[in-house]
């Protein structure tokens, strides 16, 4: 028995691959079940991605958390984004549980 495919709603945010930043947050324009058509803010263009290439966005991904372990639905995209945003704010130290991540300026 095959599982039902989850269709995502128009306007829902997802993480999608980006050639420059590795991952980028975009908004779903259309979901045909196999692919997502996503509007990305960097170029304000619509891009097509296989559903398997994208990851869901969680509101905790937008917070400037001092500890990665406080993030819900953690995966590579929000982790890299959090480290980048903290670095841009001169916050070079970020915890992940008991481990300290330091980004050398």
PDB file of N, CA and C in Angstrom:
ATOM      1  N   UNK A   1       0.835  -1.175   0.000  1.00  0.00           N
ATOM      2  CA  UNK A   1       0.000   0.000   0.000  1.00  0.00           C
ATOM      3  C   UNK A   1       0.883   1.243   0.000  1.00  0.00           C
ATOM      4  N   UNK A   2       0.627   2.159  -0.910  1.00  0.00           N
ATOM      5  CA  UNK A   2       1.420   3.380  -1.012  1.00  0.00           C
ATOM      6  C   UNK A   2       0.857   4.446  -0.084  1.00  0.00           C
ATOM      7  N   UNK A   3       1.758   5.194   0.514  1.00  0.00           N
ATOM      8  CA  UNK A   3       1.346   6.301   1.386  1.00  0.00           C
ATOM      9  C   UNK A   3       0.849   7.455   0.529  1.00  0.00           C
ATOM     10  N   UNK A   4      -0.110   8.169   1.041  1.00  0.00           N
ATOM     11  CA  UNK A   4      -0.629   9.335   0.324  1.00  0.00           C
ATOM     12  C   UNK A   4       0.424  10.433   0.314  1.00  0.00           C
ATOM     13  N   UNK A   5       0.535  11.111  -0.816  1.00  0.00           N
ATOM     14  CA  UNK A   5       1.490  12.208  -0.926  1.00  0.00           C
ATOM     15  C   UNK A   5       0.926  13.441  -0.232  1.00  0.00           C
ATOM     16  N   UNK A   6       1.785  14.112   0.505  1.00  0.00           N
ATOM     17  CA  UNK A   6       1.368  15.319   1.210  1.00  0.00           C
ATOM     18  C   UNK A   6       1.545  16.512   0.278  1.00  0.00           C
ATOM     19  N   UNK A   7       0.455  17.135  -0.063  1.00  0.00           N
ATOM     20  CA  UNK A   7       0.541  18.349  -0.858  1.00  0.00           C
ATOM     21  C   UNK A   7       0.746  19.514   0.084  1.00  0.00           C
ATOM     22  N   UNK A   8       1.650  20.367  -0.282  1.00  0.00           N
ATOM     23  CA  UNK A   8       1.926  21.540   0.531  1.00  0.00           C
ATOM     24  C   UNK A   8       1.113  22.708   0.000  1.00  0.00           C
ATOM     25  N   UNK A   9       0.830  23.623   0.888  1.00  0.00           N
ATOM     26  CA  UNK A   9      -0.028  24.752   0.530  1.00  0.00           C
ATOM     27  C   UNK A   9       0.748  25.864  -0.164  1.00  0.00           C
ATOM     28  N   UNK A  10       0.058  26.546  -1.056  1.00  0.00           N
ATOM     29  CA  UNK A  10       0.615  27.716  -1.710  1.00  0.00           C
ATOM     30  C   UNK A  10       0.975  28.747  -0.646  1.00  0.00           C
ATOM     31  N   UNK A  11       2.153  29.335  -0.775  1.00  0.00           N
ATOM     32  CA  UNK A  11       2.623  30.327   0.182  1.00  0.00           C
ATOM     33  C   UNK A  11       3.442  29.742   1.321  1.00  0.00           C
ATOM     34  N   UNK A  12       3.375  28.418   1.509  1.00  0.00           N
ATOM     35  CA  UNK A  12       4.150  27.763   2.568  1.00  0.00           C
ATOM     36  C   UNK A  12       5.643  27.901   2.256  1.00  0.00           C
ATOM     37  N   UNK A  13       6.445  28.119   3.282  1.00  0.00           N
ATOM     38  CA  UNK A  13       7.887  28.274   3.093  1.00  0.00           C
ATOM     39  C   UNK A  13       8.581  26.917   3.122  1.00  0.00           C
ATOM     40  N   UNK A  14       9.583  26.788   2.262  1.00  0.00           N
ATOM     41  CA  UNK A  14      10.407  25.578   2.214  1.00  0.00           C
ATOM     42  C   UNK A  14      11.858  25.975   1.960  1.00  0.00           C
ATOM     43  N   UNK A  15      12.753  25.120   2.413  1.00  0.00           N
ATOM     44  CA  UNK A  15      14.168  25.267   2.092  1.00  0.00           C
ATOM     45  C   UNK A  15      14.416  24.553   0.771  1.00  0.00           C
ATOM     46  N   UNK A  16      15.118  25.215  -0.144  1.00  0.00           N
ATOM     47  CA  UNK A  16      15.415  24.610  -1.441  1.00  0.00           C
ATOM     48  C   UNK A  16      16.888  24.848  -1.786  1.00  0.00           C
ATOM     49  N   UNK A  17      17.451  24.004  -2.639  1.00  0.00           N
ATOM     50  CA  UNK A  17      18.857  24.148  -3.008  1.00  0.00           C
ATOM     51  C   UNK A  17      19.130  25.498  -3.667  1.00  0.00           C
ATOM     52  N   UNK A  18      20.322  26.020  -3.420  1.00  0.00           N
ATOM     53  CA  UNK A  18      20.728  27.300  -4.001  1.00  0.00           C
ATOM     54  C   UNK A  18      22.204  27.194  -4.391  1.00  0.00           C
ATOM     55  N   UNK A  19      22.547  27.506  -5.637  1.00  0.00           N
ATOM     56  CA  UNK A  19      23.934  27.339  -6.079  1.00  0.00           C
ATOM     57  C   UNK A  19      24.922  28.267  -5.371  1.00  0.00           C
ATOM     58  N   UNK A  20      24.448  29.402  -4.889  1.00  0.00           N
ATOM     59  CA  UNK A  20      25.342  30.366  -4.243  1.00  0.00           C
ATOM     60  C   UNK A  20      25.432  30.158  -2.731  1.00  0.00           C
ATOM     61  N   UNK A  21      24.302  29.948  -2.073  1.00  0.00           N
ATOM     62  CA  UNK A  21      24.254  29.862  -0.611  1.00  0.00           C
ATOM     63  C   UNK A  21      24.012  28.452  -0.080  1.00  0.00           C
ATOM     64  N   UNK A  22      24.038  27.467  -0.912  1.00  0.00           N
ATOM     65  CA  UNK A  22      23.776  26.058  -0.612  1.00  0.00           C
ATOM     66  C   UNK A  22      22.274  25.820  -0.420  1.00  0.00           C
ATOM     67  N   UNK A  23      21.627  26.594   0.467  1.00  0.00           N
ATOM     68  CA  UNK A  23      20.186  26.500   0.704  1.00  0.00           C
ATOM     69  C   UNK A  23      19.589  27.897   0.708  1.00  0.00           C
ATOM     70  N   UNK A  24      18.330  27.982   0.302  1.00  0.00           N
ATOM     71  CA  UNK A  24      17.612  29.249   0.312  1.00  0.00           C
ATOM     72  C   UNK A  24      16.165  28.982   0.727  1.00  0.00           C
ATOM     73  N   UNK A  25      15.614  29.926   1.424  1.00  0.00           N
ATOM     74  CA  UNK A  25      14.219  29.828   1.830  1.00  0.00           C
ATOM     75  C   UNK A  25      13.357  30.427   0.727  1.00  0.00           C
ATOM     76  N   UNK A  26      12.333  29.702   0.317  1.00  0.00           N
ATOM     77  CA  UNK A  26      11.428  30.191  -0.714  1.00  0.00           C
ATOM     78  C   UNK A  26       9.988  29.904  -0.347  1.00  0.00           C
ATOM     79  N   UNK A  27       9.065  30.437  -1.151  1.00  0.00           N
ATOM     80  CA  UNK A  27       7.628  30.247  -0.924  1.00  0.00           C
ATOM     81  C   UNK A  27       7.038  29.420  -2.051  1.00  0.00           C
ATOM     82  N   UNK A  28       6.247  28.426  -1.688  1.00  0.00           N
ATOM     83  CA  UNK A  28       5.631  27.547  -2.681  1.00  0.00           C
ATOM     84  C   UNK A  28       4.592  28.315  -3.488  1.00  0.00           C
ATOM     85  N   UNK A  29       4.704  28.190  -4.800  1.00  0.00           N
ATOM     86  CA  UNK A  29       3.729  28.761  -5.720  1.00  0.00           C
ATOM     87  C   UNK A  29       2.752  27.676  -6.155  1.00  0.00           C
ATOM     88  N   UNK A  30       3.295  26.453  -6.360  1.00  0.00           N
ATOM     89  CA  UNK A  30       2.460  25.336  -6.809  1.00  0.00           C
ATOM     90  C   UNK A  30       3.100  24.019  -6.375  1.00  0.00           C
ATOM     91  N   UNK A  31       2.262  23.038  -6.097  1.00  0.00           N
ATOM     92  CA  UNK A  31       2.701  21.687  -5.743  1.00  0.00           C
ATOM     93  C   UNK A  31       1.911  20.720  -6.610  1.00  0.00           C
ATOM     94  N   UNK A  32       2.618  20.029  -7.524  1.00  0.00           N
ATOM     95  CA  UNK A  32       1.909  19.074  -8.386  1.00  0.00           C
ATOM     96  C   UNK A  32       2.035  17.639  -7.876  1.00  0.00           C
ATOM     97  N   UNK A  33       2.575  17.480  -6.664  1.00  0.00           N
ATOM     98  CA  UNK A  33       2.730  16.153  -6.081  1.00  0.00           C
ATOM     99  C   UNK A  33       4.119  15.576  -6.279  1.00  0.00           C
ATOM    100  N   UNK A  34       4.738  15.845  -7.404  1.00  0.00           N
ATOM    101  CA  UNK A  34       6.095  15.376  -7.696  1.00  0.00           C
ATOM    102  C   UNK A  34       7.110  16.500  -7.568  1.00  0.00           C
ATOM    103  N   UNK A  35       6.682  17.697  -7.929  1.00  0.00           N
ATOM    104  CA  UNK A  35       7.570  18.861  -7.932  1.00  0.00           C
ATOM    105  C   UNK A  35       6.926  20.019  -7.192  1.00  0.00           C
ATOM    106  N   UNK A  36       7.799  20.886  -6.691  1.00  0.00           N
ATOM    107  CA  UNK A  36       7.340  22.139  -6.095  1.00  0.00           C
ATOM    108  C   UNK A  36       7.848  23.277  -6.960  1.00  0.00           C
ATOM    109  N   UNK A  37       6.998  24.231  -7.204  1.00  0.00           N
ATOM    110  CA  UNK A  37       7.383  25.447  -7.894  1.00  0.00           C
ATOM    111  C   UNK A  37       7.510  26.505  -6.807  1.00  0.00           C
ATOM    112  N   UNK A  38       8.735  27.019  -6.644  1.00  0.00           N
ATOM    113  CA  UNK A  38       9.067  27.854  -5.495  1.00  0.00           C
ATOM    114  C   UNK A  38       9.561  29.216  -5.962  1.00  0.00           C
ATOM    115  N   UNK A  39       9.026  30.267  -5.355  1.00  0.00           N
ATOM    116  CA  UNK A  39       9.476  31.633  -5.606  1.00  0.00           C
ATOM    117  C   UNK A  39      10.589  31.934  -4.615  1.00  0.00           C
ATOM    118  N   UNK A  40      11.765  32.277  -5.134  1.00  0.00           N
ATOM    119  CA  UNK A  40      12.905  32.571  -4.262  1.00  0.00           C
ATOM    120  C   UNK A  40      13.137  34.079  -4.213  1.00  0.00           C
ATOM    121  N   UNK A  41      13.382  34.624  -3.015  1.00  0.00           N
ATOM    122  CA  UNK A  41      13.496  36.073  -2.865  1.00  0.00           C
ATOM    123  C   UNK A  41      14.769  36.674  -3.457  1.00  0.00           C
ATOM    124  N   UNK A  42      15.852  35.909  -3.553  1.00  0.00           N
ATOM    125  CA  UNK A  42      17.101  36.474  -4.071  1.00  0.00           C
ATOM    126  C   UNK A  42      16.972  36.971  -5.502  1.00  0.00           C
ATOM    127  N   UNK A  43      16.276  36.206  -6.336  1.00  0.00           N
ATOM    128  CA  UNK A  43      16.125  36.613  -7.733  1.00  0.00           C
ATOM    129  C   UNK A  43      14.670  36.877  -8.110  1.00  0.00           C
ATOM    130  N   UNK A  44      13.761  36.685  -7.154  1.00  0.00           N
ATOM    131  CA  UNK A  44      12.323  36.895  -7.375  1.00  0.00           C
ATOM    132  C   UNK A  44      11.822  36.108  -8.590  1.00  0.00           C
ATOM    133  N   UNK A  45      12.339  34.891  -8.742  1.00  0.00           N
ATOM    134  CA  UNK A  45      11.937  34.026  -9.846  1.00  0.00           C
ATOM    135  C   UNK A  45      11.390  32.716  -9.305  1.00  0.00           C
ATOM    136  N   UNK A  46      10.609  32.061 -10.143  1.00  0.00           N
ATOM    137  CA  UNK A  46      10.026  30.773  -9.792  1.00  0.00           C
ATOM    138  C   UNK A  46      10.951  29.658 -10.275  1.00  0.00           C
ATOM    139  N   UNK A  47      11.232  28.708  -9.384  1.00  0.00           N
ATOM    140  CA  UNK A  47      12.103  27.579  -9.707  1.00  0.00           C
ATOM    141  C   UNK A  47      11.366  26.276  -9.421  1.00  0.00           C
ATOM    142  N   UNK A  48      11.690  25.251 -10.198  1.00  0.00           N
ATOM    143  CA  UNK A  48      11.065  23.940 -10.022  1.00  0.00           C
ATOM    144  C   UNK A  48      12.053  23.008  -9.327  1.00  0.00           C
ATOM    145  N   UNK A  49      11.584  22.367  -8.254  1.00  0.00           N
ATOM    146  CA  UNK A  49      12.395  21.408  -7.503  1.00  0.00           C
ATOM    147  C   UNK A  49      11.594  20.140  -7.288  1.00  0.00           C
ATOM    148  N   UNK A  50      12.270  19.004  -7.330  1.00  0.00           N
ATOM    149  CA  UNK A  50      11.621  17.762  -6.909  1.00  0.00           C
ATOM    150  C   UNK A  50      11.297  17.915  -5.429  1.00  0.00           C
ATOM    151  N   UNK A  51      10.167  17.375  -5.008  1.00  0.00           N
ATOM    152  CA  UNK A  51       9.763  17.466  -3.605  1.00  0.00           C
ATOM    153  C   UNK A  51      10.881  16.954  -2.702  1.00  0.00           C
ATOM    154  N   UNK A  52      11.588  15.915  -3.145  1.00  0.00           N
ATOM    155  CA  UNK A  52      12.655  15.320  -2.338  1.00  0.00           C
ATOM    156  C   UNK A  52      13.869  16.230  -2.181  1.00  0.00           C
ATOM    157  N   UNK A  53      13.976  17.272  -2.997  1.00  0.00           N
ATOM    158  CA  UNK A  53      15.086  18.221  -2.899  1.00  0.00           C
ATOM    159  C   UNK A  53      14.824  19.310  -1.863  1.00  0.00           C
ATOM    160  N   UNK A  54      13.623  19.401  -1.365  1.00  0.00           N
ATOM    161  CA  UNK A  54      13.259  20.479  -0.452  1.00  0.00           C
ATOM    162  C   UNK A  54      13.086  19.959   0.974  1.00  0.00           C
ATOM    163  N   UNK A  55      13.122  20.889   1.911  1.00  0.00           N
ATOM    164  CA  UNK A  55      12.907  20.558   3.322  1.00  0.00           C
ATOM    165  C   UNK A  55      11.909  21.545   3.902  1.00  0.00           C
ATOM    166  N   UNK A  56      11.081  21.106   4.829  1.00  0.00           N
ATOM    167  CA  UNK A  56      10.093  22.004   5.427  1.00  0.00           C
ATOM    168  C   UNK A  56      10.745  23.077   6.302  1.00  0.00           C
ATOM    169  N   UNK A  57      10.093  24.211   6.375  1.00  0.00           N
ATOM    170  CA  UNK A  57      10.511  25.327   7.223  1.00  0.00           C
ATOM    171  C   UNK A  57       9.727  25.269   8.521  1.00  0.00           C
ATOM    172  N   UNK A  58      10.392  25.565   9.617  1.00  0.00           N
ATOM    173  CA  UNK A  58       9.759  25.657  10.926  1.00  0.00           C
ATOM    174  C   UNK A  58      10.031  27.064  11.457  1.00  0.00           C
ATOM    175  N   UNK A  59       9.090  27.645  12.186  1.00  0.00           N
ATOM    176  CA  UNK A  59       9.267  29.023  12.673  1.00  0.00           C
ATOM    177  C   UNK A  59      10.520  29.176  13.534  1.00  0.00           C
ATOM    178  N   UNK A  60      10.966  28.113  14.187  1.00  0.00           N
ATOM    179  CA  UNK A  60      12.196  28.209  14.980  1.00  0.00           C
ATOM    180  C   UNK A  60      13.421  28.458  14.097  1.00  0.00           C
ATOM    181  N   UNK A  61      13.330  28.166  12.810  1.00  0.00           N
ATOM    182  CA  UNK A  61      14.442  28.391  11.887  1.00  0.00           C
ATOM    183  C   UNK A  61      14.728  29.877  11.693  1.00  0.00           C
ATOM    184  N   UNK A  62      13.763  30.738  11.956  1.00  0.00           N
ATOM    185  CA  UNK A  62      13.932  32.182  11.754  1.00  0.00           C
ATOM    186  C   UNK A  62      14.488  32.883  12.992  1.00  0.00           C
ATOM    187  N   UNK A  63      14.557  32.189  14.107  1.00  0.00           N
ATOM    188  CA  UNK A  63      15.045  32.807  15.342  1.00  0.00           C
ATOM    189  C   UNK A  63      16.572  32.795  15.379  1.00  0.00           C
ATOM    190  N   UNK A  64      17.139  33.787  16.041  1.00  0.00           N
ATOM    191  CA  UNK A  64      18.592  33.886  16.186  1.00  0.00           C
ATOM    192  C   UNK A  64      19.000  33.164  17.477  1.00  0.00           C
ATOM    193  N   UNK A  65      18.862  31.863  17.462  1.00  0.00           N
ATOM    194  CA  UNK A  65      19.066  31.042  18.656  1.00  0.00           C
ATOM    195  C   UNK A  65      20.549  30.920  19.014  1.00  0.00           C
ATOM    196  N   UNK A  66      20.884  30.965  20.312  1.00  0.00           N
ATOM    197  CA  UNK A  66      22.271  30.770  20.729  1.00  0.00           C
ATOM    198  C   UNK A  66      22.663  29.291  20.782  1.00  0.00           C
ATOM    199  N   UNK A  67      21.667  28.404  20.750  1.00  0.00           N
ATOM    200  CA  UNK A  67      21.925  26.971  20.831  1.00  0.00           C
ATOM    201  C   UNK A  67      21.127  26.253  19.742  1.00  0.00           C
ATOM    202  N   UNK A  68      21.838  25.608  18.845  1.00  0.00           N
ATOM    203  CA  UNK A  68      21.219  24.901  17.724  1.00  0.00           C
ATOM    204  C   UNK A  68      20.219  23.857  18.206  1.00  0.00           C
ATOM    205  N   UNK A  69      20.471  23.265  19.358  1.00  0.00           N
ATOM    206  CA  UNK A  69      19.581  22.212  19.850  1.00  0.00           C
ATOM    207  C   UNK A  69      18.203  22.735  20.242  1.00  0.00           C
ATOM    208  N   UNK A  70      18.035  24.055  20.311  1.00  0.00           N
ATOM    209  CA  UNK A  70      16.718  24.641  20.578  1.00  0.00           C
ATOM    210  C   UNK A  70      15.859  24.730  19.316  1.00  0.00           C
ATOM    211  N   UNK A  71      16.443  24.402  18.177  1.00  0.00           N
ATOM    212  CA  UNK A  71      15.745  24.492  16.900  1.00  0.00           C
ATOM    213  C   UNK A  71      14.911  23.232  16.670  1.00  0.00           C
ATOM    214  N   UNK A  72      13.694  23.401  16.195  1.00  0.00           N
ATOM    215  CA  UNK A  72      12.838  22.268  15.844  1.00  0.00           C
ATOM    216  C   UNK A  72      13.090  21.863  14.395  1.00  0.00           C
ATOM    217  N   UNK A  73      12.854  20.592  14.090  1.00  0.00           N
ATOM    218  CA  UNK A  73      13.002  20.057  12.739  1.00  0.00           C
ATOM    219  C   UNK A  73      14.355  20.447  12.135  1.00  0.00           C
ATOM    220  N   UNK A  74      15.409  20.134  12.854  1.00  0.00           N
ATOM    221  CA  UNK A  74      16.761  20.509  12.451  1.00  0.00           C
ATOM    222  C   UNK A  74      17.234  19.675  11.265  1.00  0.00           C
ATOM    223  N   UNK A  75      17.807  20.355  10.292  1.00  0.00           N
ATOM    224  CA  UNK A  75      18.494  19.722   9.169  1.00  0.00           C
ATOM    225  C   UNK A  75      19.541  20.708   8.673  1.00  0.00           C
ATOM    226  N   UNK A  76      20.260  20.356   7.646  1.00  0.00           N
ATOM    227  CA  UNK A  76      21.396  21.142   7.166  1.00  0.00           C
ATOM    228  C   UNK A  76      21.034  22.593   6.839  1.00  0.00           C
ATOM    229  N   UNK A  77      19.923  22.817   6.176  1.00  0.00           N
ATOM    230  CA  UNK A  77      19.579  24.166   5.712  1.00  0.00           C
ATOM    231  C   UNK A  77      19.435  25.179   6.849  1.00  0.00           C
ATOM    232  N   UNK A  78      18.591  24.936   7.852  1.00  0.00           N
ATOM    233  CA  UNK A  78      18.477  25.940   8.913  1.00  0.00           C
ATOM    234  C   UNK A  78      19.736  26.046   9.774  1.00  0.00           C
ATOM    235  N   UNK A  79      20.498  24.965   9.890  1.00  0.00           N
ATOM    236  CA  UNK A  79      21.751  25.026  10.646  1.00  0.00           C
ATOM    237  C   UNK A  79      22.719  26.000   9.979  1.00  0.00           C
ATOM    238  N   UNK A  80      22.945  25.836   8.684  1.00  0.00           N
ATOM    239  CA  UNK A  80      23.854  26.729   7.967  1.00  0.00           C
ATOM    240  C   UNK A  80      23.337  28.163   7.963  1.00  0.00           C
ATOM    241  N   UNK A  81      22.035  28.324   7.814  1.00  0.00           N
ATOM    242  CA  UNK A  81      21.450  29.664   7.820  1.00  0.00           C
ATOM    243  C   UNK A  81      21.629  30.334   9.182  1.00  0.00           C
ATOM    244  N   UNK A  82      21.409  29.600  10.261  1.00  0.00           N
ATOM    245  CA  UNK A  82      21.589  30.149  11.609  1.00  0.00           C
ATOM    246  C   UNK A  82      23.039  30.580  11.829  1.00  0.00           C
ATOM    247  N   UNK A  83      23.985  29.737  11.452  1.00  0.00           N
ATOM    248  CA  UNK A  83      25.394  30.089  11.624  1.00  0.00           C
ATOM    249  C   UNK A  83      25.760  31.326  10.810  1.00  0.00           C
ATOM    250  N   UNK A  84      25.237  31.421   9.582  1.00  0.00           N
ATOM    251  CA  UNK A  84      25.505  32.596   8.742  1.00  0.00           C
ATOM    252  C   UNK A  84      24.929  33.855   9.372  1.00  0.00           C
ATOM    253  N   UNK A  85      23.668  33.800   9.823  1.00  0.00           N
ATOM    254  CA  UNK A  85      23.026  34.979  10.419  1.00  0.00           C
ATOM    255  C   UNK A  85      23.714  35.396  11.710  1.00  0.00           C
ATOM    256  N   UNK A  86      24.123  34.438  12.529  1.00  0.00           N
ATOM    257  CA  UNK A  86      24.832  34.773  13.774  1.00  0.00           C
ATOM    258  C   UNK A  86      26.189  35.405  13.452  1.00  0.00           C
ATOM    259  N   UNK A  87      26.887  34.881  12.464  1.00  0.00           N
ATOM    260  CA  UNK A  87      28.178  35.440  12.051  1.00  0.00           C
ATOM    261  C   UNK A  87      28.008  36.889  11.582  1.00  0.00           C
ATOM    262  N   UNK A  88      26.967  37.152  10.802  1.00  0.00           N
ATOM    263  CA  UNK A  88      26.709  38.512  10.313  1.00  0.00           C
ATOM    264  C   UNK A  88      26.406  39.491  11.447  1.00  0.00           C
ATOM    265  N   UNK A  89      25.975  38.983  12.594  1.00  0.00           N
ATOM    266  CA  UNK A  89      25.695  39.810  13.774  1.00  0.00           C
ATOM    267  C   UNK A  89      26.898  39.822  14.735  1.00  0.00           C
ATOM    268  N   UNK A  90      28.055  39.347  14.270  1.00  0.00           N
ATOM    269  CA  UNK A  90      29.268  39.227  15.088  1.00  0.00           C
ATOM    270  C   UNK A  90      29.077  38.302  16.284  1.00  0.00           C
ATOM    271  N   UNK A  91      28.201  37.339  16.146  1.00  0.00           N
ATOM    272  CA  UNK A  91      27.986  36.307  17.166  1.00  0.00           C
ATOM    273  C   UNK A  91      28.685  35.044  16.671  1.00  0.00           C
ATOM    274  N   UNK A  92      29.989  34.959  16.930  1.00  0.00           N
ATOM    275  CA  UNK A  92      30.788  33.891  16.321  1.00  0.00           C
ATOM    276  C   UNK A  92      30.732  32.580  17.093  1.00  0.00           C
ATOM    277  N   UNK A  93      30.122  32.589  18.283  1.00  0.00           N
ATOM    278  CA  UNK A  93      30.013  31.370  19.084  1.00  0.00           C
ATOM    279  C   UNK A  93      28.564  30.893  19.104  1.00  0.00           C
ATOM    280  N   UNK A  94      28.373  29.639  18.771  1.00  0.00           N
ATOM    281  CA  UNK A  94      27.044  29.032  18.780  1.00  0.00           C
ATOM    282  C   UNK A  94      27.162  27.648  19.408  1.00  0.00           C
ATOM    283  N   UNK A  95      26.295  27.366  20.335  1.00  0.00           N
ATOM    284  CA  UNK A  95      26.295  26.047  20.974  1.00  0.00           C
ATOM    285  C   UNK A  95      25.401  25.082  20.208  1.00  0.00           C
ATOM    286  N   UNK A  96      25.751  23.821  20.281  1.00  0.00           N
ATOM    287  CA  UNK A  96      24.876  22.745  19.866  1.00  0.00           C
ATOM    288  C   UNK A  96      24.942  21.713  20.988  1.00  0.00           C
ATOM    289  N   UNK A  97      24.031  21.867  21.924  1.00  0.00           N
ATOM    290  CA  UNK A  97      24.102  21.070  23.149  1.00  0.00           C
ATOM    291  C   UNK A  97      25.300  21.523  23.965  1.00  0.00           C
ATOM    292  N   UNK A  98      26.203  20.584  24.286  1.00  0.00           N
ATOM    293  CA  UNK A  98      27.409  20.897  25.055  1.00  0.00           C
ATOM    294  C   UNK A  98      28.598  21.271  24.176  1.00  0.00           C
ATOM    295  N   UNK A  99      28.420  21.256  22.878  1.00  0.00           N
ATOM    296  CA  UNK A  99      29.507  21.532  21.937  1.00  0.00           C
ATOM    297  C   UNK A  99      29.427  22.986  21.489  1.00  0.00           C
ATOM    298  N   UNK A 100      30.576  23.660  21.468  1.00  0.00           N
ATOM    299  CA  UNK A 100      30.647  25.045  21.028  1.00  0.00           C
ATOM    300  C   UNK A 100      31.177  25.097  19.601  1.00  0.00           C
ATOM    301  N   UNK A 101      30.433  25.761  18.722  1.00  0.00           N
ATOM    302  CA  UNK A 101      30.874  25.997  17.348  1.00  0.00           C
ATOM    303  C   UNK A 101      31.394  27.425  17.301  1.00  0.00           C
ATOM    304  N   UNK A 102      32.610  27.595  16.808  1.00  0.00           N
ATOM    305  CA  UNK A 102      33.200  28.922  16.689  1.00  0.00           C
ATOM    306  C   UNK A 102      33.531  29.172  15.225  1.00  0.00           C
ATOM    307  N   UNK A 103      33.059  30.291  14.708  1.00  0.00           N
ATOM    308  CA  UNK A 103      33.359  30.654  13.324  1.00  0.00           C
ATOM    309  C   UNK A 103      34.389  31.771  13.363  1.00  0.00           C
ATOM    310  N   UNK A 104      35.545  31.497  12.806  1.00  0.00           N
ATOM    311  CA  UNK A 104      36.652  32.435  12.836  1.00  0.00           C
ATOM    312  C   UNK A 104      36.392  33.592  11.871  1.00  0.00           C
ATOM    313  N   UNK A 105      36.355  34.819  12.402  1.00  0.00           N
ATOM    314  CA  UNK A 105      36.081  35.976  11.520  1.00  0.00           C
ATOM    315  C   UNK A 105      37.186  36.288  10.595  1.00  0.00           C
TER     316      UNK A 105
END
